[in-house]
Amino acid sequence: MGTRSDRYLRSMYAGGRGDARAHRWARAWGRIVSTGLMPRRWVVLEVRGRRTGTVTRFPLGLADVDGRWYCVSMLGECNWVRNVRAADGRAVLRGRRGGPVHLTEVPVADRAPVLRRYVQKVVGGRPHIPVDRHRPVEAFAAIAAERPVFLVERAAPGTTA
C-alpha cells in the first residue's frame, strides 16, 4: 500500500514508536518549526512527561475545521497522547501558534471530519492514516477510535503547561 516513500516513512514508526531515524527527523523539524517561520499549521507540542516530569517536544501538523484547530495523532496511542492526558491537557505550542494551550480530547463520534482534513493538509501524516484523503468523511469514521484528536484552545491567562 502506498508509494515507496510512504513505506519508508511507516518503517520509521514500526510498532507505533519512532526509531533513531524518526527521532533525528523530529529533532530537525522541531528546530525548524520552533523558529515560527513555517506556516501556522506546523507546531512543536511541549508537554510534561508523565513519568519523568521533564518537558518533551513533538513536531506536529494541525488540522483546521470550522475555524478551530486540532492536534491529531498519526500513530494512534503514542507517548505525546499519553503525556497530554496525564497533564490534563496542559501544554505549550511553539511556532506561529505559540503559547500555552489546553488540549481537550475530541469524542470518537466527532473525529472523522478532523481526520479527513488532517490527511488533506498534513502530507507527512498521510502514510500513517489508512484512508485516502479523497474518500468521503464517512470513511474516516471507521478509524476514528484508533486516532486520538485534541481540540486546541488558548490557555487561560496565568496558566502554564
N, C-alpha and C. Protein backbone atom coordinates (compact mmCIF):
# COMPACT_ATOMS: atom_id res chain seq x y z
N MET A 1 0.83 -1.19 0.00
CA MET A 1 0.00 0.00 0.00
C MET A 1 0.87 1.24 0.00
N GLY A 2 0.59 2.17 -0.90
CA GLY A 2 1.30 3.43 -0.91
C GLY A 2 2.57 3.38 -1.73
N THR A 3 3.22 4.50 -1.79
CA THR A 3 4.44 4.63 -2.56
C THR A 3 5.63 4.12 -1.75
N ARG A 4 6.75 4.09 -2.42
CA ARG A 4 7.98 3.67 -1.76
C ARG A 4 8.31 4.61 -0.60
N SER A 5 8.13 5.93 -0.79
CA SER A 5 8.42 6.86 0.30
C SER A 5 7.44 6.68 1.47
N ASP A 6 6.18 6.33 1.16
CA ASP A 6 5.21 6.05 2.23
C ASP A 6 5.67 4.86 3.05
N ARG A 7 6.12 3.83 2.38
CA ARG A 7 6.60 2.63 3.10
C ARG A 7 7.81 2.97 3.95
N TYR A 8 8.69 3.80 3.43
CA TYR A 8 9.87 4.22 4.19
C TYR A 8 9.45 4.99 5.45
N LEU A 9 8.53 5.94 5.29
CA LEU A 9 8.07 6.72 6.44
C LEU A 9 7.41 5.83 7.48
N ARG A 10 6.57 4.89 7.04
CA ARG A 10 5.94 3.97 8.00
C ARG A 10 6.97 3.10 8.70
N SER A 11 8.04 2.73 8.00
CA SER A 11 9.06 1.87 8.60
C SER A 11 9.77 2.55 9.77
N MET A 12 9.79 3.87 9.79
CA MET A 12 10.43 4.59 10.89
C MET A 12 9.61 4.51 12.17
N TYR A 13 8.34 4.08 12.06
CA TYR A 13 7.44 4.03 13.21
C TYR A 13 6.88 2.63 13.42
N ALA A 14 7.67 1.62 13.13
CA ALA A 14 7.21 0.24 13.34
C ALA A 14 6.86 0.04 14.80
N GLY A 15 5.72 -0.58 15.04
CA GLY A 15 5.29 -0.81 16.42
C GLY A 15 4.74 0.44 17.09
N GLY A 16 4.53 1.52 16.33
CA GLY A 16 3.95 2.73 16.91
C GLY A 16 4.94 3.62 17.62
N ARG A 17 6.22 3.30 17.54
CA ARG A 17 7.26 4.12 18.17
C ARG A 17 8.29 4.50 17.13
N GLY A 18 8.78 5.72 17.21
CA GLY A 18 9.80 6.17 16.28
C GLY A 18 11.14 5.52 16.55
N ASP A 19 11.84 5.15 15.47
CA ASP A 19 13.19 4.62 15.61
C ASP A 19 14.18 5.78 15.60
N ALA A 20 15.47 5.48 15.53
CA ALA A 20 16.50 6.52 15.59
C ALA A 20 16.34 7.52 14.44
N ARG A 21 15.98 7.03 13.25
CA ARG A 21 15.78 7.94 12.11
C ARG A 21 14.63 8.91 12.40
N ALA A 22 13.54 8.39 12.94
CA ALA A 22 12.38 9.24 13.25
C ALA A 22 12.74 10.28 14.29
N HIS A 23 13.53 9.90 15.28
CA HIS A 23 13.94 10.85 16.32
C HIS A 23 14.83 11.96 15.75
N ARG A 24 15.73 11.60 14.83
CA ARG A 24 16.57 12.62 14.20
C ARG A 24 15.73 13.59 13.39
N TRP A 25 14.79 13.06 12.60
CA TRP A 25 13.92 13.93 11.81
C TRP A 25 13.05 14.81 12.72
N ALA A 26 12.55 14.24 13.80
CA ALA A 26 11.70 15.02 14.72
C ALA A 26 12.49 16.17 15.33
N ARG A 27 13.73 15.91 15.73
CA ARG A 27 14.56 16.99 16.29
C ARG A 27 14.82 18.08 15.26
N ALA A 28 15.14 17.67 14.04
CA ALA A 28 15.41 18.65 12.98
C ALA A 28 14.17 19.47 12.67
N TRP A 29 13.03 18.81 12.47
CA TRP A 29 11.79 19.54 12.19
C TRP A 29 11.37 20.39 13.38
N GLY A 30 11.62 19.89 14.58
CA GLY A 30 11.29 20.67 15.77
C GLY A 30 12.04 21.98 15.80
N ARG A 31 13.32 21.96 15.45
CA ARG A 31 14.11 23.19 15.42
C ARG A 31 13.58 24.15 14.35
N ILE A 32 13.26 23.62 13.19
CA ILE A 32 12.77 24.46 12.10
C ILE A 32 11.41 25.07 12.46
N VAL A 33 10.50 24.26 12.94
CA VAL A 33 9.14 24.73 13.26
C VAL A 33 9.18 25.74 14.41
N SER A 34 10.05 25.51 15.39
CA SER A 34 10.12 26.41 16.54
C SER A 34 10.54 27.82 16.18
N THR A 35 11.13 28.02 15.01
CA THR A 35 11.55 29.36 14.61
C THR A 35 10.35 30.26 14.34
N GLY A 36 9.18 29.66 14.08
CA GLY A 36 7.99 30.44 13.76
C GLY A 36 7.92 30.86 12.31
N LEU A 37 8.85 30.39 11.49
CA LEU A 37 8.87 30.76 10.08
C LEU A 37 8.01 29.85 9.20
N MET A 38 7.57 28.75 9.74
CA MET A 38 6.74 27.82 8.99
C MET A 38 5.28 28.29 9.05
N PRO A 39 4.43 27.80 8.15
CA PRO A 39 3.01 28.14 8.25
C PRO A 39 2.46 27.75 9.62
N ARG A 40 1.39 28.43 10.03
CA ARG A 40 0.88 28.23 11.38
C ARG A 40 0.33 26.84 11.63
N ARG A 41 0.13 26.05 10.60
CA ARG A 41 -0.32 24.66 10.74
C ARG A 41 0.74 23.81 11.46
N TRP A 42 2.00 24.20 11.35
CA TRP A 42 3.11 23.42 11.91
C TRP A 42 3.51 23.96 13.27
N VAL A 43 3.56 23.09 14.26
CA VAL A 43 3.88 23.49 15.63
C VAL A 43 4.79 22.44 16.27
N VAL A 44 5.37 22.83 17.38
CA VAL A 44 6.05 21.88 18.27
C VAL A 44 5.23 21.86 19.55
N LEU A 45 4.74 20.69 19.88
CA LEU A 45 3.98 20.50 21.11
C LEU A 45 4.96 20.23 22.24
N GLU A 46 4.85 21.01 23.31
CA GLU A 46 5.66 20.79 24.51
C GLU A 46 4.71 20.38 25.63
N VAL A 47 5.02 19.23 26.24
CA VAL A 47 4.17 18.73 27.32
C VAL A 47 5.07 18.01 28.33
N ARG A 48 4.69 18.07 29.59
CA ARG A 48 5.48 17.37 30.63
C ARG A 48 5.32 15.87 30.47
N GLY A 49 6.44 15.17 30.58
CA GLY A 49 6.41 13.71 30.51
C GLY A 49 5.70 13.14 31.72
N ARG A 50 4.89 12.15 31.53
CA ARG A 50 4.08 11.60 32.61
C ARG A 50 4.91 10.83 33.62
N ARG A 51 6.07 10.37 33.25
CA ARG A 51 6.93 9.61 34.17
C ARG A 51 8.06 10.46 34.72
N THR A 52 8.73 11.22 33.82
CA THR A 52 9.92 11.97 34.24
C THR A 52 9.60 13.37 34.72
N GLY A 53 8.50 13.95 34.25
CA GLY A 53 8.18 15.32 34.58
C GLY A 53 8.95 16.34 33.75
N THR A 54 9.86 15.87 32.90
CA THR A 54 10.60 16.80 32.04
C THR A 54 9.77 17.13 30.80
N VAL A 55 10.00 18.29 30.26
CA VAL A 55 9.25 18.71 29.08
C VAL A 55 9.73 17.92 27.86
N THR A 56 8.78 17.33 27.15
CA THR A 56 9.10 16.63 25.92
C THR A 56 8.52 17.42 24.76
N ARG A 57 9.14 17.28 23.59
CA ARG A 57 8.74 18.06 22.42
C ARG A 57 8.44 17.15 21.25
N PHE A 58 7.34 17.47 20.55
CA PHE A 58 6.91 16.68 19.40
C PHE A 58 6.48 17.63 18.29
N PRO A 59 7.12 17.58 17.11
CA PRO A 59 6.62 18.39 15.99
C PRO A 59 5.33 17.78 15.46
N LEU A 60 4.32 18.62 15.23
CA LEU A 60 3.02 18.16 14.76
C LEU A 60 2.47 19.10 13.69
N GLY A 61 1.65 18.53 12.84
CA GLY A 61 0.86 19.33 11.91
C GLY A 61 -0.55 19.40 12.45
N LEU A 62 -1.16 20.58 12.41
CA LEU A 62 -2.51 20.76 12.92
C LEU A 62 -3.53 20.69 11.80
N ALA A 63 -4.72 20.23 12.15
CA ALA A 63 -5.86 20.24 11.22
C ALA A 63 -6.78 21.37 11.63
N ASP A 64 -7.35 22.06 10.65
CA ASP A 64 -8.30 23.14 10.93
C ASP A 64 -9.66 22.76 10.35
N VAL A 65 -10.68 22.87 11.19
CA VAL A 65 -12.05 22.57 10.78
C VAL A 65 -12.95 23.64 11.39
N ASP A 66 -13.71 24.31 10.55
CA ASP A 66 -14.67 25.34 11.00
C ASP A 66 -14.02 26.38 11.92
N GLY A 67 -12.81 26.81 11.56
CA GLY A 67 -12.15 27.86 12.31
C GLY A 67 -11.50 27.42 13.61
N ARG A 68 -11.51 26.14 13.89
CA ARG A 68 -10.88 25.62 15.12
C ARG A 68 -9.71 24.73 14.70
N TRP A 69 -8.71 24.63 15.59
CA TRP A 69 -7.50 23.87 15.30
C TRP A 69 -7.45 22.62 16.17
N TYR A 70 -6.86 21.56 15.61
CA TYR A 70 -6.83 20.26 16.27
C TYR A 70 -5.46 19.60 16.12
N CYS A 71 -5.01 18.93 17.18
CA CYS A 71 -3.84 18.05 17.12
C CYS A 71 -4.37 16.64 16.85
N VAL A 72 -3.73 15.95 15.92
CA VAL A 72 -4.11 14.60 15.55
C VAL A 72 -2.91 13.68 15.74
N SER A 73 -3.14 12.53 16.33
CA SER A 73 -2.07 11.56 16.49
C SER A 73 -2.06 10.62 15.29
N MET A 74 -1.07 10.79 14.41
CA MET A 74 -0.99 9.95 13.22
C MET A 74 -0.68 8.50 13.59
N LEU A 75 -0.10 8.28 14.77
CA LEU A 75 0.28 6.92 15.19
C LEU A 75 -0.73 6.29 16.14
N GLY A 76 -1.79 6.98 16.46
CA GLY A 76 -2.74 6.43 17.43
C GLY A 76 -2.26 6.70 18.84
N GLU A 77 -2.41 5.71 19.70
CA GLU A 77 -1.97 5.85 21.10
C GLU A 77 -0.44 5.90 21.12
N CYS A 78 0.11 7.04 21.46
CA CYS A 78 1.56 7.20 21.48
C CYS A 78 1.94 8.05 22.69
N ASN A 79 3.23 8.30 22.86
CA ASN A 79 3.70 8.99 24.06
C ASN A 79 3.12 10.39 24.21
N TRP A 80 3.07 11.17 23.15
CA TRP A 80 2.59 12.54 23.35
C TRP A 80 1.12 12.54 23.77
N VAL A 81 0.35 11.59 23.27
CA VAL A 81 -1.07 11.49 23.65
C VAL A 81 -1.18 11.14 25.13
N ARG A 82 -0.42 10.15 25.58
CA ARG A 82 -0.47 9.76 27.00
C ARG A 82 0.02 10.88 27.90
N ASN A 83 1.05 11.62 27.44
CA ASN A 83 1.55 12.75 28.23
C ASN A 83 0.52 13.87 28.33
N VAL A 84 -0.17 14.18 27.24
CA VAL A 84 -1.20 15.22 27.27
C VAL A 84 -2.32 14.82 28.23
N ARG A 85 -2.74 13.58 28.18
CA ARG A 85 -3.79 13.12 29.09
C ARG A 85 -3.34 13.23 30.54
N ALA A 86 -2.09 12.81 30.81
CA ALA A 86 -1.57 12.87 32.19
C ALA A 86 -1.44 14.31 32.67
N ALA A 87 -1.20 15.24 31.76
CA ALA A 87 -1.06 16.66 32.11
C ALA A 87 -2.40 17.38 32.11
N ASP A 88 -3.49 16.63 32.04
CA ASP A 88 -4.84 17.21 32.00
C ASP A 88 -4.99 18.24 30.88
N GLY A 89 -4.32 17.98 29.75
CA GLY A 89 -4.45 18.83 28.58
C GLY A 89 -3.58 20.07 28.57
N ARG A 90 -2.81 20.31 29.64
CA ARG A 90 -1.95 21.50 29.69
C ARG A 90 -0.71 21.26 28.84
N ALA A 91 -0.46 22.20 27.92
CA ALA A 91 0.70 22.08 27.03
C ALA A 91 1.07 23.45 26.51
N VAL A 92 2.14 23.50 25.73
CA VAL A 92 2.59 24.72 25.07
C VAL A 92 2.81 24.38 23.60
N LEU A 93 2.41 25.28 22.73
CA LEU A 93 2.72 25.15 21.31
C LEU A 93 3.79 26.16 20.96
N ARG A 94 4.78 25.74 20.19
CA ARG A 94 5.82 26.63 19.68
C ARG A 94 5.65 26.73 18.17
N GLY A 95 5.95 27.88 17.64
CA GLY A 95 5.77 28.16 16.23
C GLY A 95 4.89 29.39 16.11
N ARG A 96 4.26 29.57 14.99
CA ARG A 96 3.39 30.74 14.81
C ARG A 96 2.20 30.73 15.75
N ARG A 97 1.77 29.57 16.17
CA ARG A 97 0.62 29.46 17.08
C ARG A 97 1.12 29.28 18.52
N GLY A 98 2.22 29.90 18.84
CA GLY A 98 2.87 29.67 20.12
C GLY A 98 2.11 30.14 21.33
N GLY A 99 2.44 29.51 22.46
CA GLY A 99 1.88 29.90 23.73
C GLY A 99 1.22 28.75 24.46
N PRO A 100 0.82 28.99 25.71
CA PRO A 100 0.16 27.95 26.50
C PRO A 100 -1.21 27.61 25.90
N VAL A 101 -1.53 26.34 25.89
CA VAL A 101 -2.81 25.87 25.36
C VAL A 101 -3.41 24.83 26.29
N HIS A 102 -4.68 24.60 26.08
CA HIS A 102 -5.35 23.47 26.73
C HIS A 102 -5.86 22.58 25.61
N LEU A 103 -5.53 21.30 25.68
CA LEU A 103 -5.95 20.33 24.67
C LEU A 103 -7.05 19.47 25.25
N THR A 104 -8.19 19.48 24.58
CA THR A 104 -9.35 18.71 25.02
C THR A 104 -9.59 17.59 24.03
N GLU A 105 -9.64 16.36 24.54
CA GLU A 105 -9.83 15.22 23.64
C GLU A 105 -11.22 15.27 23.01
N VAL A 106 -11.25 15.04 21.72
CA VAL A 106 -12.50 15.07 20.94
C VAL A 106 -13.14 13.69 21.02
N PRO A 107 -14.45 13.62 21.27
CA PRO A 107 -15.13 12.32 21.29
C PRO A 107 -14.98 11.60 19.94
N VAL A 108 -14.91 10.28 19.99
CA VAL A 108 -14.73 9.47 18.78
C VAL A 108 -15.75 9.83 17.71
N ALA A 109 -16.99 10.04 18.08
CA ALA A 109 -18.05 10.33 17.11
C ALA A 109 -17.82 11.62 16.34
N ASP A 110 -16.98 12.53 16.86
CA ASP A 110 -16.75 13.82 16.22
C ASP A 110 -15.41 13.93 15.51
N ARG A 111 -14.64 12.85 15.44
CA ARG A 111 -13.28 12.91 14.90
C ARG A 111 -13.18 12.83 13.38
N ALA A 112 -14.12 12.20 12.70
CA ALA A 112 -13.97 11.91 11.27
C ALA A 112 -13.67 13.15 10.43
N PRO A 113 -14.40 14.27 10.58
CA PRO A 113 -14.08 15.44 9.74
C PRO A 113 -12.67 15.98 10.00
N VAL A 114 -12.23 15.88 11.25
CA VAL A 114 -10.88 16.37 11.59
C VAL A 114 -9.84 15.45 10.96
N LEU A 115 -10.04 14.15 11.03
CA LEU A 115 -9.10 13.21 10.43
C LEU A 115 -9.01 13.42 8.92
N ARG A 116 -10.14 13.65 8.29
CA ARG A 116 -10.13 13.88 6.85
C ARG A 116 -9.34 15.15 6.51
N ARG A 117 -9.58 16.21 7.24
CA ARG A 117 -8.86 17.46 6.99
C ARG A 117 -7.37 17.28 7.25
N TYR A 118 -7.03 16.50 8.27
CA TYR A 118 -5.63 16.23 8.60
C TYR A 118 -4.92 15.59 7.42
N VAL A 119 -5.48 14.55 6.83
CA VAL A 119 -4.79 13.89 5.71
C VAL A 119 -4.82 14.75 4.45
N GLN A 120 -5.75 15.67 4.35
CA GLN A 120 -5.76 16.58 3.22
C GLN A 120 -4.62 17.59 3.31
N LYS A 121 -4.29 18.04 4.52
CA LYS A 121 -3.35 19.15 4.70
C LYS A 121 -1.97 18.75 5.24
N VAL A 122 -1.86 17.66 5.97
CA VAL A 122 -0.60 17.28 6.61
C VAL A 122 -0.01 16.09 5.84
N VAL A 123 0.80 16.42 4.85
CA VAL A 123 1.33 15.42 3.93
C VAL A 123 2.10 14.32 4.68
N GLY A 124 2.89 14.69 5.68
CA GLY A 124 3.69 13.71 6.42
C GLY A 124 2.87 12.72 7.23
N GLY A 125 1.61 13.05 7.50
CA GLY A 125 0.75 12.15 8.26
C GLY A 125 0.04 11.13 7.38
N ARG A 126 -0.05 11.40 6.09
CA ARG A 126 -0.81 10.53 5.18
C ARG A 126 -0.40 9.06 5.20
N PRO A 127 0.89 8.75 5.19
CA PRO A 127 1.26 7.33 5.17
C PRO A 127 0.80 6.55 6.40
N HIS A 128 0.49 7.25 7.48
CA HIS A 128 0.14 6.60 8.73
C HIS A 128 -1.36 6.49 8.96
N ILE A 129 -2.14 7.14 8.12
CA ILE A 129 -3.60 7.10 8.22
C ILE A 129 -4.11 6.23 7.07
N PRO A 130 -4.75 5.11 7.35
CA PRO A 130 -5.10 4.15 6.30
C PRO A 130 -6.36 4.47 5.50
N VAL A 131 -6.65 5.75 5.31
CA VAL A 131 -7.79 6.16 4.49
C VAL A 131 -7.29 7.24 3.53
N ASP A 132 -7.60 7.09 2.26
CA ASP A 132 -7.18 8.06 1.25
C ASP A 132 -7.85 9.41 1.49
N ARG A 133 -7.11 10.47 1.27
CA ARG A 133 -7.61 11.82 1.54
C ARG A 133 -8.80 12.22 0.67
N HIS A 134 -9.03 11.51 -0.43
CA HIS A 134 -10.13 11.83 -1.33
C HIS A 134 -11.43 11.11 -0.97
N ARG A 135 -11.37 10.22 0.02
CA ARG A 135 -12.56 9.48 0.43
C ARG A 135 -13.52 10.40 1.18
N PRO A 136 -14.80 10.05 1.20
CA PRO A 136 -15.76 10.87 1.96
C PRO A 136 -15.51 10.77 3.46
N VAL A 137 -16.03 11.73 4.18
CA VAL A 137 -15.80 11.81 5.62
C VAL A 137 -16.26 10.53 6.33
N GLU A 138 -17.28 9.86 5.83
CA GLU A 138 -17.78 8.64 6.46
C GLU A 138 -16.70 7.54 6.51
N ALA A 139 -15.80 7.53 5.55
CA ALA A 139 -14.73 6.53 5.54
C ALA A 139 -13.78 6.71 6.73
N PHE A 140 -13.67 7.93 7.22
CA PHE A 140 -12.77 8.20 8.34
C PHE A 140 -13.39 7.81 9.68
N ALA A 141 -14.68 7.66 9.72
CA ALA A 141 -15.34 7.23 10.96
C ALA A 141 -14.88 5.84 11.38
N ALA A 142 -14.52 5.00 10.42
CA ALA A 142 -14.09 3.63 10.72
C ALA A 142 -12.78 3.58 11.50
N ILE A 143 -11.94 4.61 11.37
CA ILE A 143 -10.66 4.61 12.08
C ILE A 143 -10.62 5.62 13.23
N ALA A 144 -11.71 6.31 13.45
CA ALA A 144 -11.73 7.40 14.44
C ALA A 144 -11.35 6.94 15.85
N ALA A 145 -11.74 5.76 16.24
CA ALA A 145 -11.43 5.28 17.59
C ALA A 145 -9.94 5.00 17.76
N GLU A 146 -9.22 4.80 16.65
CA GLU A 146 -7.80 4.46 16.70
C GLU A 146 -6.88 5.68 16.68
N ARG A 147 -7.41 6.85 16.38
CA ARG A 147 -6.61 8.05 16.23
C ARG A 147 -7.10 9.15 17.16
N PRO A 148 -6.42 9.37 18.29
CA PRO A 148 -6.82 10.44 19.20
C PRO A 148 -6.71 11.81 18.52
N VAL A 149 -7.67 12.68 18.82
CA VAL A 149 -7.73 14.03 18.30
C VAL A 149 -8.00 14.96 19.47
N PHE A 150 -7.30 16.10 19.49
CA PHE A 150 -7.45 17.07 20.58
C PHE A 150 -7.75 18.45 20.02
N LEU A 151 -8.76 19.09 20.56
CA LEU A 151 -9.08 20.47 20.23
C LEU A 151 -8.07 21.38 20.92
N VAL A 152 -7.52 22.32 20.18
CA VAL A 152 -6.54 23.27 20.72
C VAL A 152 -7.28 24.54 21.14
N GLU A 153 -7.16 24.90 22.41
CA GLU A 153 -7.75 26.14 22.93
C GLU A 153 -6.67 26.90 23.67
N ARG A 154 -6.68 28.20 23.52
CA ARG A 154 -5.72 29.03 24.26
C ARG A 154 -5.96 28.83 25.75
N ALA A 155 -4.87 28.69 26.51
CA ALA A 155 -4.99 28.53 27.95
C ALA A 155 -5.38 29.85 28.58
N ALA A 156 -6.06 29.77 29.69
CA ALA A 156 -6.43 30.97 30.43
C ALA A 156 -5.17 31.70 30.86
N PRO A 157 -5.19 33.04 30.86
CA PRO A 157 -4.02 33.80 31.30
C PRO A 157 -3.55 33.35 32.69
N GLY A 158 -2.23 33.27 32.81
CA GLY A 158 -1.65 32.90 34.09
C GLY A 158 -1.46 31.41 34.28
N THR A 159 -1.89 30.58 33.32
CA THR A 159 -1.69 29.15 33.44
C THR A 159 -0.47 28.74 32.62
N THR A 160 0.17 27.68 33.04
CA THR A 160 1.35 27.17 32.33
C THR A 160 1.20 25.68 32.10
N ALA A 161 2.04 25.17 31.24
CA ALA A 161 1.98 23.74 30.91
C ALA A 161 2.49 22.89 32.01
